């Protein structure tokens, strides 16, 4: 097959259940995958869970069970979330999978053969929550003088024997990469942050631990397990069969895009390309760090009590309404905010009242007045003008926006065409033409059916289930058979009183 496209999400750390931030990334990646499939590309889409490390071992210990059992249970919650949100992944990878252990040990050996690994002693600040090492100068001061990571998480002084990766040897190579490939890190603000960080100097990186055993064993070094980020990042090549020369590997690597949260850009845009350079593996084409999703402008926190289960949101508002809101409301790459009333208002105004009503009244008039038989589009100037606008926006403007991941811009452009179609309905008044000029009524309805179908195809990556139902309804009548009675796709969302004041 030709024209491959490989997209990955950051694999989720399942020491707790999924939250709306996990859902946001999965939905965005799914929209990209579906859009690229609609363009005829051969898409491979991977997501999954990152299950090793001290945090997972501690969480399992707190529940009195083995880490593997804890990982099995928690990973299933993330897979269930993806399935509930209609995320069309090709592989849901787990870092506890056997082939991942083999791949991680293979990339370790390749880095070792390059001479980039050495055994030493690590002394420094480590954040268990971030599974990350920090330099003294990066730390910030918390309450009562406590030292915190740049993310605001607790750090502890760690001393243990460790294998190190010669990250310092890759500073100039990384800066050359960023200069020669300015789109390697997007958006621009993330790229600038990474360049400044690397220009500030890179220290060698501790890549093994001896204080716990829940991880991938370091080959030839008993008692050591791999640093969780080396293990985790390797998932992107595990899923294609590395280290074997598989058909998947030849077809899809290098990845077109690693879609990740902005808080893990350093790992993906500094450590990962350095690991790959060391192992002699070609680099991914792009790392895209999206923003955070905030609850009424606040970062979600268990202590604040504003963490929301994405499946509960999907059950309450509908999967497609939730997907639409997240990609319509938030400028992709920036932080965005959500609330119950914001979801309801956007879904009601645009999906139910504008697009849903356009489709419903168009197909209802065809069903009631034309025995369900789809008519041909009209040929008057007003008909041609509307369909020309539809063609321009649906074939060119929306795809161009989606191609550059400007989802909110693309959907806003799409909505302008929906508004134009509704204005056409009001102007042409097919309900009045039914008696005065039935032939013209049929032409108007034919024009509207063509427009609605094009609009549906264009928005399908965002609201796939609803689009599929609508296309099935329309396409069932394209071979001369009558369509069935249409039913509303987007019922209005009515909020309870307490939802209007809670996220």
Protein backbone atom coordinates (compact mmCIF):
# COMPACT_ATOMS: atom_id res chain seq x y z
CA UNK A 1 0.00 0.00 0.00
CA UNK A 2 1.12 3.57 -0.59
CA UNK A 3 1.08 6.89 1.22
CA UNK A 4 1.31 5.58 4.82
CA UNK A 5 0.56 7.73 7.86
CA UNK A 6 1.55 6.67 11.39
CA UNK A 7 0.15 8.55 14.38
CA UNK A 8 0.59 7.81 18.07
CA UNK A 9 -0.66 9.27 21.33
CA UNK A 10 1.46 9.44 24.43
CA UNK A 11 0.72 6.21 26.26
CA UNK A 12 -1.19 6.91 29.47
CA UNK A 13 0.22 6.19 32.91
CA UNK A 14 -2.54 4.12 34.59
CA UNK A 15 -1.75 4.64 38.27
CA UNK A 16 -5.23 6.19 38.45
CA UNK A 17 -8.36 6.08 36.26
CA UNK A 18 -8.53 8.11 33.03
CA UNK A 19 -9.60 11.74 33.14
CA UNK A 20 -10.85 14.16 30.51
CA UNK A 21 -7.28 15.12 29.55
CA UNK A 22 -6.61 11.54 28.45
CA UNK A 23 -9.86 11.58 26.49
CA UNK A 24 -8.97 14.88 24.80
CA UNK A 25 -5.71 13.53 23.42
CA UNK A 26 -7.27 10.25 22.29
CA UNK A 27 -10.15 12.06 20.55
CA UNK A 28 -7.81 14.50 18.81
CA UNK A 29 -5.55 11.70 17.58
CA UNK A 30 -8.58 9.77 16.38
CA UNK A 31 -9.85 12.79 14.45
CA UNK A 32 -6.45 13.11 12.76
CA UNK A 33 -6.40 9.39 11.93
CA UNK A 34 -9.93 9.46 10.53
CA UNK A 35 -9.23 12.60 8.52
CA UNK A 36 -6.11 11.09 6.98
CA UNK A 37 -8.02 7.90 6.12
CA UNK A 38 -10.65 10.04 4.41
CA UNK A 39 -7.85 11.52 2.29
CA UNK A 40 -6.98 8.01 1.09
CA UNK A 41 -3.92 7.52 3.26
CA UNK A 42 -2.94 4.15 4.74
CA UNK A 43 -3.19 5.02 8.43
CA UNK A 44 -1.69 3.23 11.42
CA UNK A 45 -2.91 4.58 14.79
CA UNK A 46 -1.46 3.47 18.11
CA UNK A 47 -2.34 4.30 21.71
CA UNK A 48 -1.99 2.41 24.99
CA UNK A 49 -0.66 2.43 28.54
CA UNK A 50 2.75 2.96 30.14
CA UNK A 51 2.72 0.51 33.03
CA UNK A 52 6.17 0.32 34.60
CA UNK A 53 7.92 2.50 37.15
CA UNK A 54 7.89 3.36 40.83
CA UNK A 55 4.49 5.09 40.79
CA UNK A 56 2.77 1.93 39.58
CA UNK A 57 4.66 -0.23 42.07
CA UNK A 58 3.65 2.09 44.92
CA UNK A 59 0.00 2.22 43.81
CA UNK A 60 -0.14 -1.58 43.63
CA UNK A 61 1.49 -1.90 47.03
CA UNK A 62 -1.09 0.47 48.51
CA UNK A 63 -3.81 -1.92 47.34
CA UNK A 64 -1.96 -5.00 48.50
CA UNK A 65 -1.69 -6.61 45.04
CA UNK A 66 1.07 -7.40 42.55
CA UNK A 67 1.96 -4.65 40.05
CA UNK A 68 0.95 -6.85 37.10
CA UNK A 69 -2.56 -7.40 38.47
CA UNK A 70 -2.90 -3.69 39.20
CA UNK A 71 -1.68 -2.84 35.69
CA UNK A 72 -4.12 -5.30 34.10
CA UNK A 73 -7.04 -3.73 35.92
CA UNK A 74 -6.09 -0.11 35.34
CA UNK A 75 -5.05 -0.54 31.71
CA UNK A 76 -8.48 -1.97 30.91
CA UNK A 77 -10.05 1.32 32.07
CA UNK A 78 -8.08 3.22 29.44
CA UNK A 79 -8.94 0.74 26.70
CA UNK A 80 -12.60 0.96 27.72
CA UNK A 81 -12.41 4.75 27.54
CA UNK A 82 -11.01 4.61 24.00
CA UNK A 83 -13.68 2.15 22.92
CA UNK A 84 -16.47 4.23 24.47
CA UNK A 85 -15.21 7.38 22.74
CA UNK A 86 -15.08 5.65 19.34
CA UNK A 87 -11.29 5.89 19.09
CA UNK A 88 -10.27 3.85 16.04
CA UNK A 89 -6.85 2.63 17.17
CA UNK A 90 -5.08 -0.18 15.31
CA UNK A 91 -3.15 -1.30 18.37
CA UNK A 92 -3.66 -0.62 22.05
CA UNK A 93 -0.16 -1.30 23.30
CA UNK A 94 0.86 -2.12 26.86
CA UNK A 95 4.44 -1.78 28.03
CA UNK A 96 3.95 -5.02 29.95
CA UNK A 97 3.49 -6.86 26.62
CA UNK A 98 6.16 -9.46 25.86
CA UNK A 99 7.14 -7.95 22.52
CA UNK A 100 7.68 -4.59 24.21
CA UNK A 101 10.19 -6.05 26.67
CA UNK A 102 12.10 -7.51 23.73
CA UNK A 103 12.04 -4.21 21.80
CA UNK A 104 13.16 -2.19 24.81
CA UNK A 105 16.10 -4.51 25.42
CA UNK A 106 16.99 -4.35 21.71
CA UNK A 107 17.20 -0.54 21.65
CA UNK A 108 19.23 -0.65 24.88
CA UNK A 109 21.74 -3.02 23.25
CA UNK A 110 21.92 -0.82 20.15
CA UNK A 111 22.70 2.24 22.30
CA UNK A 112 25.22 0.23 24.28
CA UNK A 113 26.98 -0.94 21.09
CA UNK A 114 27.27 2.70 20.03
CA UNK A 115 29.22 3.33 23.24
CA UNK A 116 26.61 5.69 24.65
CA UNK A 117 25.90 3.83 27.92
CA UNK A 118 28.08 3.62 31.02
CA UNK A 119 27.64 2.46 34.60
CA UNK A 120 27.88 5.09 37.31
CA UNK A 121 26.27 6.48 40.44
CA UNK A 122 23.24 8.74 40.37
CA UNK A 123 22.86 11.44 42.96
CA UNK A 124 20.20 14.01 42.33
CA UNK A 125 16.58 15.14 42.49
CA UNK A 126 13.90 12.76 41.27
CA UNK A 127 10.12 13.22 41.06
CA UNK A 128 8.24 9.96 41.54
CA UNK A 129 5.05 11.53 40.21
CA UNK A 130 6.70 12.75 36.99
CA UNK A 131 9.08 9.77 36.76
CA UNK A 132 11.67 12.42 35.88
CA UNK A 133 15.09 13.70 37.01
CA UNK A 134 15.61 17.43 37.52
CA UNK A 135 18.64 19.68 37.86
CA UNK A 136 18.94 21.87 40.97
CA UNK A 137 18.40 25.00 38.88
CA UNK A 138 15.08 23.73 37.55
CA UNK A 139 13.49 23.30 40.96
CA UNK A 140 10.99 25.76 42.42
CA UNK A 141 10.21 26.49 46.05
CA UNK A 142 6.99 25.24 47.58
CA UNK A 143 5.39 25.71 50.96
CA UNK A 144 7.71 25.81 53.96
CA UNK A 145 10.71 25.88 51.62
CA UNK A 146 10.01 22.45 50.11
CA UNK A 147 11.69 21.78 46.78
CA UNK A 148 9.36 21.03 43.87
CA UNK A 149 9.83 20.10 40.22
CA UNK A 150 8.98 22.64 37.49
CA UNK A 151 5.58 20.88 37.33
CA UNK A 152 5.01 21.57 41.03
CA UNK A 153 5.43 17.92 42.08
CA UNK A 154 7.48 16.75 45.09
CA UNK A 155 11.09 15.71 44.48
CA UNK A 156 13.38 13.57 46.59
CA UNK A 157 17.16 13.25 46.72
CA UNK A 158 18.07 9.90 45.19
CA UNK A 159 21.38 8.04 45.42
CA UNK A 160 21.84 4.70 43.64
CA UNK A 161 23.96 2.83 41.11
CA UNK A 162 22.70 3.61 37.63
CA UNK A 163 23.40 3.22 33.96
CA UNK A 164 23.78 6.54 32.18
CA UNK A 165 23.10 7.61 28.61
CA UNK A 166 25.55 10.11 27.08
CA UNK A 167 22.85 12.70 26.37
CA UNK A 168 25.47 15.45 26.55
CA UNK A 169 27.04 14.08 23.35
CA UNK A 170 23.83 14.82 21.44
CA UNK A 171 23.36 18.51 22.25
CA UNK A 172 24.72 19.82 18.94
CA UNK A 173 23.03 17.06 16.94
CA UNK A 174 19.66 17.96 18.51
CA UNK A 175 20.12 21.68 17.86
CA UNK A 176 20.97 20.86 14.24
CA UNK A 177 17.81 18.76 14.03
CA UNK A 178 15.63 21.63 15.29
CA UNK A 179 17.29 24.10 12.91
CA UNK A 180 17.09 21.89 9.84
CA UNK A 181 13.57 20.65 10.56
CA UNK A 182 11.64 23.54 12.13
CA UNK A 183 8.39 21.54 12.07
CA UNK A 184 9.90 18.68 14.11
CA UNK A 185 8.38 20.28 17.24
CA UNK A 186 5.01 22.00 17.06
CA UNK A 187 3.47 24.36 17.90
CA UNK A 188 6.10 27.11 17.74
CA UNK A 189 5.91 27.89 21.46
CA UNK A 190 6.90 24.31 22.35
CA UNK A 191 9.75 24.39 19.86
CA UNK A 192 11.14 27.57 21.40
CA UNK A 193 10.99 26.05 24.91
CA UNK A 194 12.88 22.94 23.81
CA UNK A 195 15.55 24.88 21.91
CA UNK A 196 16.20 27.07 24.97
CA UNK A 197 16.42 23.99 27.19
CA UNK A 198 18.94 22.22 24.95
CA UNK A 199 20.97 25.39 24.38
CA UNK A 200 21.31 25.61 28.17
CA UNK A 201 23.36 22.41 28.15
CA UNK A 202 22.51 18.73 28.52
CA UNK A 203 23.70 16.43 31.29
CA UNK A 204 24.01 12.69 30.87
CA UNK A 205 20.77 10.91 31.74
CA UNK A 206 20.30 8.19 34.35
CA UNK A 207 18.44 5.40 32.54
CA UNK A 208 18.21 2.57 35.07
CA UNK A 209 16.97 2.05 38.62
CA UNK A 210 17.81 -0.48 41.32
CA UNK A 211 15.39 0.63 44.05
CA UNK A 212 12.43 -1.28 42.56
CA UNK A 213 11.92 -4.20 40.20
CA UNK A 214 8.71 -3.39 38.29
CA UNK A 215 10.15 -2.62 34.89
CA UNK A 216 12.02 -4.00 31.89
CA UNK A 217 15.21 -5.75 33.07
CA UNK A 218 18.41 -4.20 31.81
CA UNK A 219 20.13 -6.83 29.63
CA UNK A 220 23.28 -8.18 31.24
CA UNK A 221 22.93 -6.10 34.40
CA UNK A 222 21.09 -7.99 37.16
CA UNK A 223 19.16 -5.84 39.63
CA UNK A 224 18.69 -2.96 37.18
CA UNK A 225 15.42 -2.08 35.45
CA UNK A 226 15.15 0.51 32.71
CA UNK A 227 14.24 4.10 33.43
CA UNK A 228 10.54 4.19 32.72
CA UNK A 229 10.80 6.84 30.00
CA UNK A 230 13.28 4.83 27.90
CA UNK A 231 10.92 1.88 28.22
CA UNK A 232 7.81 3.99 27.51
CA UNK A 233 9.10 5.85 24.46
CA UNK A 234 10.14 2.60 22.83
CA UNK A 235 6.46 1.65 22.51
CA UNK A 236 6.25 3.67 19.31
CA UNK A 237 8.58 1.24 17.54
CA UNK A 238 7.50 -1.88 19.44
CA UNK A 239 4.09 -1.57 17.81
CA UNK A 240 5.66 -1.86 14.36
CA UNK A 241 7.66 -4.99 15.14
CA UNK A 242 11.05 -3.52 16.08
CA UNK A 243 13.71 -4.90 16.16
CA UNK A 244 12.56 -7.20 13.35
CA UNK A 245 12.35 -6.04 9.75
CA UNK A 246 8.59 -6.46 9.60
CA UNK A 247 6.17 -5.25 6.95
CA UNK A 248 4.70 -2.84 9.51
CA UNK A 249 8.15 -1.42 10.23
CA UNK A 250 8.96 -0.91 6.57
CA UNK A 251 5.55 0.59 5.87
CA UNK A 252 5.02 3.02 8.75
CA UNK A 253 8.29 4.10 10.37
CA UNK A 254 9.21 6.89 10.79
CA UNK A 255 6.06 8.11 12.53
CA UNK A 256 4.32 11.10 11.00
CA UNK A 257 3.27 12.53 14.34
CA UNK A 258 3.65 11.80 18.03
CA UNK A 259 0.68 13.61 19.58
CA UNK A 260 1.43 14.37 23.24
CA UNK A 261 0.64 16.75 26.10
CA UNK A 262 2.84 19.80 26.53
CA UNK A 263 4.11 18.50 29.88
CA UNK A 264 6.01 15.62 28.24
CA UNK A 265 7.51 17.48 25.27
CA UNK A 266 11.04 17.28 26.71
CA UNK A 267 10.97 13.49 26.81
CA UNK A 268 9.72 13.24 23.22
CA UNK A 269 11.66 16.10 21.62
CA UNK A 270 14.99 15.74 23.46
CA UNK A 271 15.44 12.26 24.95
CA UNK A 272 13.60 10.25 22.28
CA UNK A 273 15.42 11.61 19.21
CA UNK A 274 18.72 11.25 21.06
CA UNK A 275 17.95 7.61 21.90
CA UNK A 276 17.01 6.96 18.27
CA UNK A 277 20.13 8.67 16.91
CA UNK A 278 22.21 6.51 19.24
CA UNK A 279 20.44 3.33 18.15
CA UNK A 280 20.78 4.21 14.45
CA UNK A 281 17.01 4.51 13.92
CA UNK A 282 15.44 7.23 11.77
CA UNK A 283 13.57 9.97 13.62
CA UNK A 284 9.83 10.68 13.70
CA UNK A 285 8.69 13.52 11.49
CA UNK A 286 6.92 15.57 14.14
CA UNK A 287 6.24 15.89 17.87
CA UNK A 288 3.11 17.93 18.58
CA UNK A 289 2.55 19.12 22.16
CA UNK A 290 -1.09 20.06 22.69
CA UNK A 291 -2.32 22.17 25.61
CA UNK A 292 -4.11 21.26 28.82
CA UNK A 293 -7.85 20.94 29.20
CA UNK A 294 -8.96 22.96 32.21
CA UNK A 295 -12.13 22.66 34.27
CA UNK A 296 -13.62 26.16 34.34
CA UNK A 297 -10.14 27.57 33.85
CA UNK A 298 -8.56 25.46 36.62
CA UNK A 299 -6.14 22.58 36.18
CA UNK A 300 -7.78 19.33 37.19
CA UNK A 301 -6.73 17.96 40.56
CA UNK A 302 -7.97 15.18 42.80
CA UNK A 303 -7.42 17.41 45.83
CA UNK A 304 -9.58 20.18 44.35
CA UNK A 305 -12.21 17.59 43.42
CA UNK A 306 -12.66 18.71 39.81
CA UNK A 307 -11.43 15.56 38.04
CA UNK A 308 -14.19 14.31 35.75
CA UNK A 309 -14.64 10.81 34.34
CA UNK A 310 -14.74 11.15 30.53
CA UNK A 311 -17.08 8.16 30.22
CA UNK A 312 -19.55 9.91 32.54
CA UNK A 313 -19.36 12.98 30.28
CA UNK A 314 -19.92 10.84 27.19
CA UNK A 315 -22.90 9.14 28.84
CA UNK A 316 -24.35 12.49 29.87
CA UNK A 317 -23.87 14.51 26.68
CA UNK A 318 -23.27 11.88 23.97
CA UNK A 319 -19.95 10.78 22.51
CA UNK A 320 -20.16 12.89 19.37
CA UNK A 321 -21.33 15.98 21.22
CA UNK A 322 -18.35 15.66 23.55
CA UNK A 323 -15.91 15.05 20.69
CA UNK A 324 -17.33 18.03 18.77
CA UNK A 325 -17.11 20.35 21.75
CA UNK A 326 -13.50 19.49 22.59
CA UNK A 327 -12.22 20.04 19.05
CA UNK A 328 -14.49 23.02 18.31
CA UNK A 329 -14.03 24.93 21.55
CA UNK A 330 -10.28 24.63 22.10
CA UNK A 331 -7.69 26.17 19.79
CA UNK A 332 -5.51 23.11 19.29
CA UNK A 333 -2.07 23.53 20.82
CA UNK A 334 -3.31 25.98 23.45
CA UNK A 335 -4.95 25.38 26.80
CA UNK A 336 -8.73 25.26 26.80
CA UNK A 337 -11.55 25.12 29.30
CA UNK A 338 -14.76 23.15 29.58
CA UNK A 339 -17.88 23.02 31.71
CA UNK A 340 -21.23 21.28 31.54
CA UNK A 341 -23.04 24.36 30.28
CA UNK A 342 -20.36 25.09 27.69
CA UNK A 343 -20.72 21.57 26.25
CA UNK A 344 -24.53 21.83 26.26
CA UNK A 345 -24.56 25.30 24.72
CA UNK A 346 -22.19 24.39 21.90
CA UNK A 347 -23.90 21.07 21.14
CA UNK A 348 -27.38 22.61 21.19
CA UNK A 349 -26.55 25.69 19.13
CA UNK A 350 -24.45 24.05 16.43
CA UNK A 351 -25.18 20.33 16.30
CA UNK A 352 -28.86 20.26 17.27
CA UNK A 353 -30.20 23.64 16.11
CA UNK A 354 -28.01 24.31 13.07
CA UNK A 355 -26.64 21.15 11.43
CA UNK A 356 -29.02 18.60 12.94
CA UNK A 357 -32.06 20.69 12.14
CA UNK A 358 -30.83 21.31 8.59
CA UNK A 359 -30.45 17.58 7.96
CA UNK A 360 -33.69 16.67 9.72
CA UNK A 361 -35.97 19.12 7.92
CA UNK A 362 -34.32 18.46 4.53
CA UNK A 363 -34.76 14.69 4.72
CA UNK A 364 -38.19 14.98 6.36
CA UNK A 365 -39.45 17.08 3.45
CA UNK A 366 -38.04 14.55 0.99
CA UNK A 367 -39.69 11.70 2.90
CA UNK A 368 -43.08 13.41 3.21
CA UNK A 369 -43.35 15.22 -0.11
CA UNK A 370 -41.33 13.11 -2.57
CA UNK A 371 -42.19 9.61 -1.35
CA UNK A 372 -38.66 9.41 0.07
CA UNK A 373 -37.02 9.57 -3.36
CA UNK A 374 -33.93 11.78 -3.54
CA UNK A 375 -34.20 14.45 -6.27
CA UNK A 376 -31.38 15.90 -8.36
CA UNK A 377 -29.87 19.25 -7.34
CA UNK A 378 -31.32 22.38 -8.89
CA UNK A 379 -29.66 24.32 -11.68
CA UNK A 380 -30.72 27.88 -10.90
CA UNK A 381 -28.06 30.41 -9.95
CA UNK A 382 -28.91 30.23 -6.23
CA UNK A 383 -28.50 26.45 -6.31
CA UNK A 384 -25.19 26.60 -8.13
CA UNK A 385 -23.90 29.33 -5.82
CA UNK A 386 -24.66 27.30 -2.72
CA UNK A 387 -23.07 24.13 -4.06
CA UNK A 388 -20.02 26.10 -5.26
CA UNK A 389 -19.61 27.45 -1.71
CA UNK A 390 -19.98 23.94 -0.33
CA UNK A 391 -17.37 22.60 -2.75
CA UNK A 392 -14.87 25.35 -1.94
CA UNK A 393 -15.14 25.02 1.81
CA UNK A 394 -15.59 21.26 2.07
CA UNK A 395 -13.02 20.26 -0.55
CA UNK A 396 -10.38 22.90 0.17
CA UNK A 397 -10.79 25.11 3.26
CA UNK A 398 -11.79 22.51 5.86
CA UNK A 399 -9.21 19.90 4.75
CA UNK A 400 -6.45 22.51 4.77
CA UNK A 401 -7.35 23.46 8.34
CA UNK A 402 -7.55 19.84 9.51
CA UNK A 403 -4.24 19.06 7.79
CA UNK A 404 -2.47 21.63 9.96
CA UNK A 405 -4.41 20.42 13.06
CA UNK A 406 -6.41 23.66 13.26
CA UNK A 407 -9.58 21.81 14.24
CA UNK A 408 -11.46 24.77 15.69
CA UNK A 409 -10.74 26.84 12.56
CA UNK A 410 -11.87 24.02 10.27
CA UNK A 411 -15.08 23.43 12.21
CA UNK A 412 -15.84 27.16 12.32
CA UNK A 413 -15.44 27.29 8.55
CA UNK A 414 -17.71 24.25 8.25
CA UNK A 415 -20.32 25.96 10.41
CA UNK A 416 -20.40 28.96 8.08
CA UNK A 417 -21.53 26.64 5.31
CA UNK A 418 -24.17 25.14 7.60
CA UNK A 419 -25.46 28.68 8.25
CA UNK A 420 -25.45 29.38 4.50
CA UNK A 421 -27.52 26.24 3.87
CA UNK A 422 -30.04 27.23 6.52
CA UNK A 423 -30.26 30.70 4.98
CA UNK A 424 -30.90 29.04 1.60
CA UNK A 425 -33.73 27.00 3.13
CA UNK A 426 -35.35 30.11 4.59
CA UNK A 427 -34.98 32.03 1.31
CA UNK A 428 -36.23 29.26 -0.96
CA UNK A 429 -39.04 28.18 1.42
CA UNK A 430 -39.60 24.69 -0.03
CA UNK A 431 -42.67 24.23 2.18
CA UNK A 432 -44.34 27.05 0.23
CA UNK A 433 -43.10 25.70 -3.11
CA UNK A 434 -44.84 22.40 -2.37
CA UNK A 435 -48.12 23.88 -3.60
CA UNK A 436 -46.96 26.66 -5.90
CA UNK A 437 -44.11 24.93 -7.75
CA UNK A 438 -43.53 21.25 -6.80
CA UNK A 439 -40.82 20.85 -9.41
CA UNK A 440 -38.84 23.75 -7.94
CA UNK A 441 -39.37 22.34 -4.46
CA UNK A 442 -37.77 19.08 -5.59
CA UNK A 443 -34.78 20.96 -7.06
CA UNK A 444 -34.28 22.91 -3.83
CA UNK A 445 -34.43 19.73 -1.77
CA UNK A 446 -32.01 18.01 -4.15
CA UNK A 447 -29.59 20.89 -3.69
CA UNK A 448 -29.92 20.63 0.07
CA UNK A 449 -29.41 16.86 0.11
CA UNK A 450 -26.19 17.27 -1.88
CA UNK A 451 -25.01 20.01 0.49
CA UNK A 452 -25.92 18.04 3.63
CA UNK A 453 -24.10 14.98 2.37
CA UNK A 454 -20.94 16.96 1.64
CA UNK A 455 -21.13 18.61 5.05
CA UNK A 456 -21.51 15.21 6.69
CA UNK A 457 -18.46 13.74 4.94
CA UNK A 458 -16.39 16.76 5.96
CA UNK A 459 -17.29 16.58 9.65
CA UNK A 460 -17.15 12.77 9.90
CA UNK A 461 -13.67 12.68 11.55
CA UNK A 462 -15.07 14.77 14.41
CA UNK A 463 -18.49 13.12 14.90
CA UNK A 464 -18.01 9.70 13.25
CA UNK A 465 -21.01 7.78 14.63
CA UNK A 466 -23.54 10.51 13.82
CA UNK A 467 -22.01 11.06 10.38
CA UNK A 468 -22.18 7.34 9.62
CA UNK A 469 -25.89 7.21 10.49
CA UNK A 470 -26.67 10.23 8.35
CA UNK A 471 -24.66 8.99 5.39
CA UNK A 472 -26.35 5.58 5.60
CA UNK A 473 -29.72 7.33 5.48
CA UNK A 474 -28.82 9.46 2.47
CA UNK A 475 -26.88 6.84 0.55
CA UNK A 476 -29.67 4.29 0.94
CA UNK A 477 -31.68 6.51 -1.40
CA UNK A 478 -28.99 7.16 -3.97
CA UNK A 479 -29.84 4.06 -5.99
CA UNK A 480 -33.44 5.08 -6.50
CA UNK A 481 -34.87 3.49 -3.36
CA UNK A 482 -36.89 5.64 -0.95
CA UNK A 483 -35.23 6.78 2.25
CA UNK A 484 -36.76 5.87 5.60
CA UNK A 485 -38.28 8.41 7.96
CA UNK A 486 -35.40 10.42 9.49
CA UNK A 487 -34.92 10.74 13.25
CA UNK A 488 -33.11 13.62 14.97
CA UNK A 489 -29.39 12.90 15.34
CA UNK A 490 -28.70 15.43 18.07
CA UNK A 491 -31.40 15.70 20.73
CA UNK A 492 -31.21 18.93 22.72
CA UNK A 493 -29.31 18.70 25.99
CA UNK A 494 -31.19 20.02 29.01
CA UNK A 495 -29.06 20.75 32.06
CA UNK A 496 -30.10 20.07 35.60
CA UNK A 497 -29.81 23.03 37.97
CA UNK A 498 -26.71 21.68 39.69
CA UNK A 499 -24.94 21.08 36.36
CA UNK A 500 -25.21 24.74 35.51
CA UNK A 501 -22.91 25.59 38.40
CA UNK A 502 -20.54 22.61 38.33
CA UNK A 503 -17.97 21.49 35.79
